[in-house]
């Protein structure tokens, strides 16, 4: 990832926090037929290895998993909030339209999980992570056991130890403070979830 020093983030706790908050990632690998990408949810285990590990799964019919031999490297990208930034919001006349965003890239060598009990446990943890905020969380025990067993047979799960993790918080840190404040005000006035989320990130970067 291209990361000018103004935007580079290497704090592991902050990178992990972003992955937890934006856990639906894009898994990219290079196979015999060229580049392949799958859009899937991930579960982060921060305690595995120096940089943590990711658990994921794809449909068994998705041939991408056949390259997960623990040797071939893949890239997983996590996209955080992003929004267009207009130069009209800034005071300086040497500004151009840009796009502010938060992103984390993870590289590693995934390996298929063969143990069905471990697959089930990891899937249950993934479900729990996404149901935890609900007043009545759904669990796999709420579905017929034979149905769940059949669904588990239809997926291939994998672990991806994180070999490299990179973060980029592009929030106009290379601009004058007056221009950054103008962009924040413009985004907040424009409204919408994406604009307000980026404005919040930009405000935090000023503090």
Protein backbone atom coordinates (compact mmCIF):
# COMPACT_ATOMS: atom_id res chain seq x y z
CA UNK A 1 0.00 0.00 0.00
CA UNK A 2 1.28 3.48 -0.83
CA UNK A 3 1.57 5.19 2.56
CA UNK A 4 3.07 8.70 2.68
CA UNK A 5 4.33 9.44 6.18
CA UNK A 6 1.43 11.84 6.92
CA UNK A 7 -1.06 8.99 6.54
CA UNK A 8 0.90 5.95 7.73
CA UNK A 9 -0.42 4.14 10.83
CA UNK A 10 1.60 1.28 12.32
CA UNK A 11 0.07 1.03 15.80
CA UNK A 12 -1.02 -2.62 15.99
CA UNK A 13 -3.81 -2.05 18.51
CA UNK A 14 -5.31 0.65 16.29
CA UNK A 15 -5.05 -1.55 13.20
CA UNK A 16 -6.69 -4.45 15.02
CA UNK A 17 -9.48 -2.18 16.25
CA UNK A 18 -10.21 -1.09 12.69
CA UNK A 19 -10.37 -4.73 11.51
CA UNK A 20 -12.82 -5.59 14.29
CA UNK A 21 -15.02 -2.65 13.35
CA UNK A 22 -14.84 -3.31 9.59
CA UNK A 23 -14.49 -7.09 9.59
CA UNK A 24 -16.01 -7.70 6.14
CA UNK A 25 -12.90 -7.86 3.98
CA UNK A 26 -11.78 -8.58 0.44
CA UNK A 27 -9.58 -11.64 0.04
CA UNK A 28 -7.34 -11.49 -3.06
CA UNK A 29 -5.16 -14.34 -4.29
CA UNK A 30 -3.30 -15.30 -7.44
CA UNK A 31 -4.10 -18.72 -8.89
CA UNK A 32 -3.70 -20.61 -12.13
CA UNK A 33 -6.53 -18.62 -13.68
CA UNK A 34 -5.23 -15.24 -12.52
CA UNK A 35 -6.33 -12.93 -9.73
CA UNK A 36 -9.36 -13.99 -7.68
CA UNK A 37 -11.21 -11.99 -5.02
CA UNK A 38 -13.82 -13.03 -2.48
CA UNK A 39 -15.78 -10.75 -0.15
CA UNK A 40 -16.13 -12.46 3.23
CA UNK A 41 -16.34 -11.80 6.98
CA UNK A 42 -13.25 -12.36 9.11
CA UNK A 43 -12.63 -13.01 12.78
CA UNK A 44 -9.46 -11.56 14.27
CA UNK A 45 -7.48 -13.44 16.90
CA UNK A 46 -4.96 -10.89 18.20
CA UNK A 47 -3.13 -13.41 20.39
CA UNK A 48 -1.97 -15.72 17.59
CA UNK A 49 1.53 -14.77 16.44
CA UNK A 50 3.24 -11.39 16.71
CA UNK A 51 0.60 -9.59 14.61
CA UNK A 52 -2.43 -11.82 15.15
CA UNK A 53 -4.30 -14.08 12.76
CA UNK A 54 -7.53 -14.07 10.77
CA UNK A 55 -10.15 -16.81 10.53
CA UNK A 56 -12.32 -16.92 7.42
CA UNK A 57 -14.32 -19.26 5.27
CA UNK A 58 -15.54 -19.54 1.68
CA UNK A 59 -18.08 -21.74 -0.04
CA UNK A 60 -16.67 -25.15 -0.90
CA UNK A 61 -17.76 -24.49 -4.49
CA UNK A 62 -15.48 -21.42 -4.53
CA UNK A 63 -12.23 -22.84 -5.93
CA UNK A 64 -10.15 -20.03 -4.43
CA UNK A 65 -9.57 -22.14 -1.31
CA UNK A 66 -7.68 -24.78 -3.29
CA UNK A 67 -4.64 -22.51 -3.28
CA UNK A 68 -4.63 -22.18 0.53
CA UNK A 69 -1.66 -24.47 1.15
CA UNK A 70 0.15 -22.37 3.73
CA UNK A 71 2.75 -21.36 1.12
CA UNK A 72 1.04 -18.98 -1.32
CA UNK A 73 0.56 -15.43 -0.05
CA UNK A 74 -2.77 -13.61 -0.21
CA UNK A 75 -3.89 -10.05 0.46
CA UNK A 76 -6.89 -9.09 2.57
CA UNK A 77 -8.13 -5.50 2.46
CA UNK A 78 -10.42 -3.87 5.01
CA UNK A 79 -12.13 -0.65 3.94
CA UNK A 80 -13.07 1.83 6.63
CA UNK A 81 -15.07 5.05 6.22
CA UNK A 82 -14.38 7.14 3.13
CA UNK A 83 -15.78 10.31 1.57
CA UNK A 84 -15.19 12.89 -1.14
CA UNK A 85 -13.59 16.14 0.07
CA UNK A 86 -14.30 19.33 -1.88
CA UNK A 87 -11.68 22.09 -2.17
CA UNK A 88 -14.57 24.54 -1.80
CA UNK A 89 -14.54 23.74 1.92
CA UNK A 90 -10.93 24.90 2.29
CA UNK A 91 -9.57 28.44 2.50
CA UNK A 92 -6.36 27.93 0.55
CA UNK A 93 -6.47 28.28 -3.24
CA UNK A 94 -3.95 25.47 -3.80
CA UNK A 95 -6.31 22.60 -3.05
CA UNK A 96 -7.91 20.07 -5.37
CA UNK A 97 -10.72 17.54 -4.94
CA UNK A 98 -9.63 14.47 -3.02
CA UNK A 99 -10.96 11.40 -1.27
CA UNK A 100 -10.27 10.75 2.40
CA UNK A 101 -10.39 7.21 3.72
CA UNK A 102 -9.24 4.63 6.21
CA UNK A 103 -7.90 1.26 5.05
CA UNK A 104 -5.94 -1.69 6.42
CA UNK A 105 -4.12 -4.30 4.32
CA UNK A 106 -3.13 -7.71 5.68
CA UNK A 107 -0.87 -10.26 4.01
CA UNK A 108 -0.35 -13.86 4.97
CA UNK A 109 -0.36 -17.48 3.83
CA UNK A 110 -3.72 -19.12 4.56
CA UNK A 111 -4.02 -22.77 5.48
CA UNK A 112 -7.21 -24.85 5.27
CA UNK A 113 -8.58 -26.05 8.61
CA UNK A 114 -9.24 -29.80 8.36
CA UNK A 115 -10.56 -30.42 11.89
CA UNK A 116 -14.40 -30.18 11.72
CA UNK A 117 -14.68 -29.46 15.46
CA UNK A 118 -12.33 -26.52 15.12
CA UNK A 119 -14.27 -25.25 12.11
CA UNK A 120 -17.52 -25.41 14.08
CA UNK A 121 -16.01 -23.64 17.08
CA UNK A 122 -14.55 -20.88 14.91
CA UNK A 123 -17.85 -20.37 13.08
CA UNK A 124 -19.67 -20.14 16.41
CA UNK A 125 -17.16 -17.49 17.55
CA UNK A 126 -17.70 -15.57 14.31
CA UNK A 127 -21.48 -15.70 14.79
CA UNK A 128 -21.17 -14.62 18.43
CA UNK A 129 -18.96 -11.66 17.48
CA UNK A 130 -21.61 -10.38 15.08
CA UNK A 131 -24.63 -11.16 17.29
CA UNK A 132 -23.22 -9.85 20.57
CA UNK A 133 -24.86 -6.42 20.34
CA UNK A 134 -28.37 -7.85 19.86
CA UNK A 135 -30.84 -8.18 22.71
CA UNK A 136 -31.56 -11.80 21.73
CA UNK A 137 -28.43 -13.11 19.99
CA UNK A 138 -28.90 -15.96 17.53
CA UNK A 139 -26.68 -19.01 17.93
CA UNK A 140 -26.19 -22.13 15.88
CA UNK A 141 -28.16 -23.99 18.55
CA UNK A 142 -31.25 -22.09 17.33
CA UNK A 143 -31.20 -24.07 14.06
CA UNK A 144 -31.70 -27.83 13.56
CA UNK A 145 -28.39 -29.64 14.15
CA UNK A 146 -28.57 -31.60 10.88
CA UNK A 147 -29.13 -28.37 8.97
CA UNK A 148 -26.11 -26.73 10.62
CA UNK A 149 -24.02 -29.84 9.94
CA UNK A 150 -24.95 -29.67 6.26
CA UNK A 151 -24.10 -25.98 6.03
CA UNK A 152 -20.71 -26.58 7.66
CA UNK A 153 -19.94 -29.27 5.11
CA UNK A 154 -20.61 -26.69 2.40
CA UNK A 155 -17.80 -24.37 3.46
CA UNK A 156 -14.02 -24.46 3.68
CA UNK A 157 -12.51 -22.63 6.65
CA UNK A 158 -8.98 -21.33 6.89
CA UNK A 159 -6.52 -19.59 9.19
CA UNK A 160 -4.34 -16.77 7.97
CA UNK A 161 -1.42 -15.83 10.18
CA UNK A 162 -0.71 -12.13 9.67
CA UNK A 163 2.78 -11.72 8.19
CA UNK A 164 2.37 -8.05 7.28
CA UNK A 165 -0.20 -5.46 8.31
CA UNK A 166 -0.37 -1.89 6.97
CA UNK A 167 -2.68 0.97 7.78
CA UNK A 168 -3.50 4.20 6.02
CA UNK A 169 -5.58 6.99 7.56
CA UNK A 170 -5.76 9.58 4.75
CA UNK A 171 -7.41 12.48 6.57
CA UNK A 172 -5.85 15.62 5.04
CA UNK A 173 -3.04 15.60 7.63
CA UNK A 174 -0.80 17.22 5.00
CA UNK A 175 -3.05 20.30 4.85
CA UNK A 176 -3.08 23.45 6.96
CA UNK A 177 -5.22 23.21 10.09
CA UNK A 178 -7.63 25.84 8.82
CA UNK A 179 -8.23 23.78 5.68
CA UNK A 180 -8.69 20.58 7.67
CA UNK A 181 -11.23 22.31 9.90
CA UNK A 182 -13.04 23.63 6.83
CA UNK A 183 -13.23 20.15 5.36
CA UNK A 184 -14.57 18.75 8.62
CA UNK A 185 -17.28 21.42 8.72
CA UNK A 186 -18.15 20.76 5.09
CA UNK A 187 -18.45 17.02 5.63
CA UNK A 188 -20.59 17.47 8.74
CA UNK A 189 -22.87 19.91 6.93
CA UNK A 190 -23.21 17.55 3.99
CA UNK A 191 -24.35 14.80 6.34
CA UNK A 192 -24.72 11.11 5.73
CA UNK A 193 -23.02 8.28 7.56
CA UNK A 194 -19.86 8.14 5.42
CA UNK A 195 -19.22 11.89 5.52
CA UNK A 196 -19.82 12.12 9.26
CA UNK A 197 -17.62 9.11 9.97
CA UNK A 198 -14.73 10.62 8.03
CA UNK A 199 -15.29 14.00 9.71
CA UNK A 200 -15.07 12.23 13.07
CA UNK A 201 -11.79 10.57 12.07
CA UNK A 202 -10.42 13.89 10.83
CA UNK A 203 -11.38 15.64 14.04
CA UNK A 204 -9.64 12.93 16.07
CA UNK A 205 -6.49 13.35 13.97
CA UNK A 206 -6.36 17.05 14.95
CA UNK A 207 -6.39 16.26 18.66
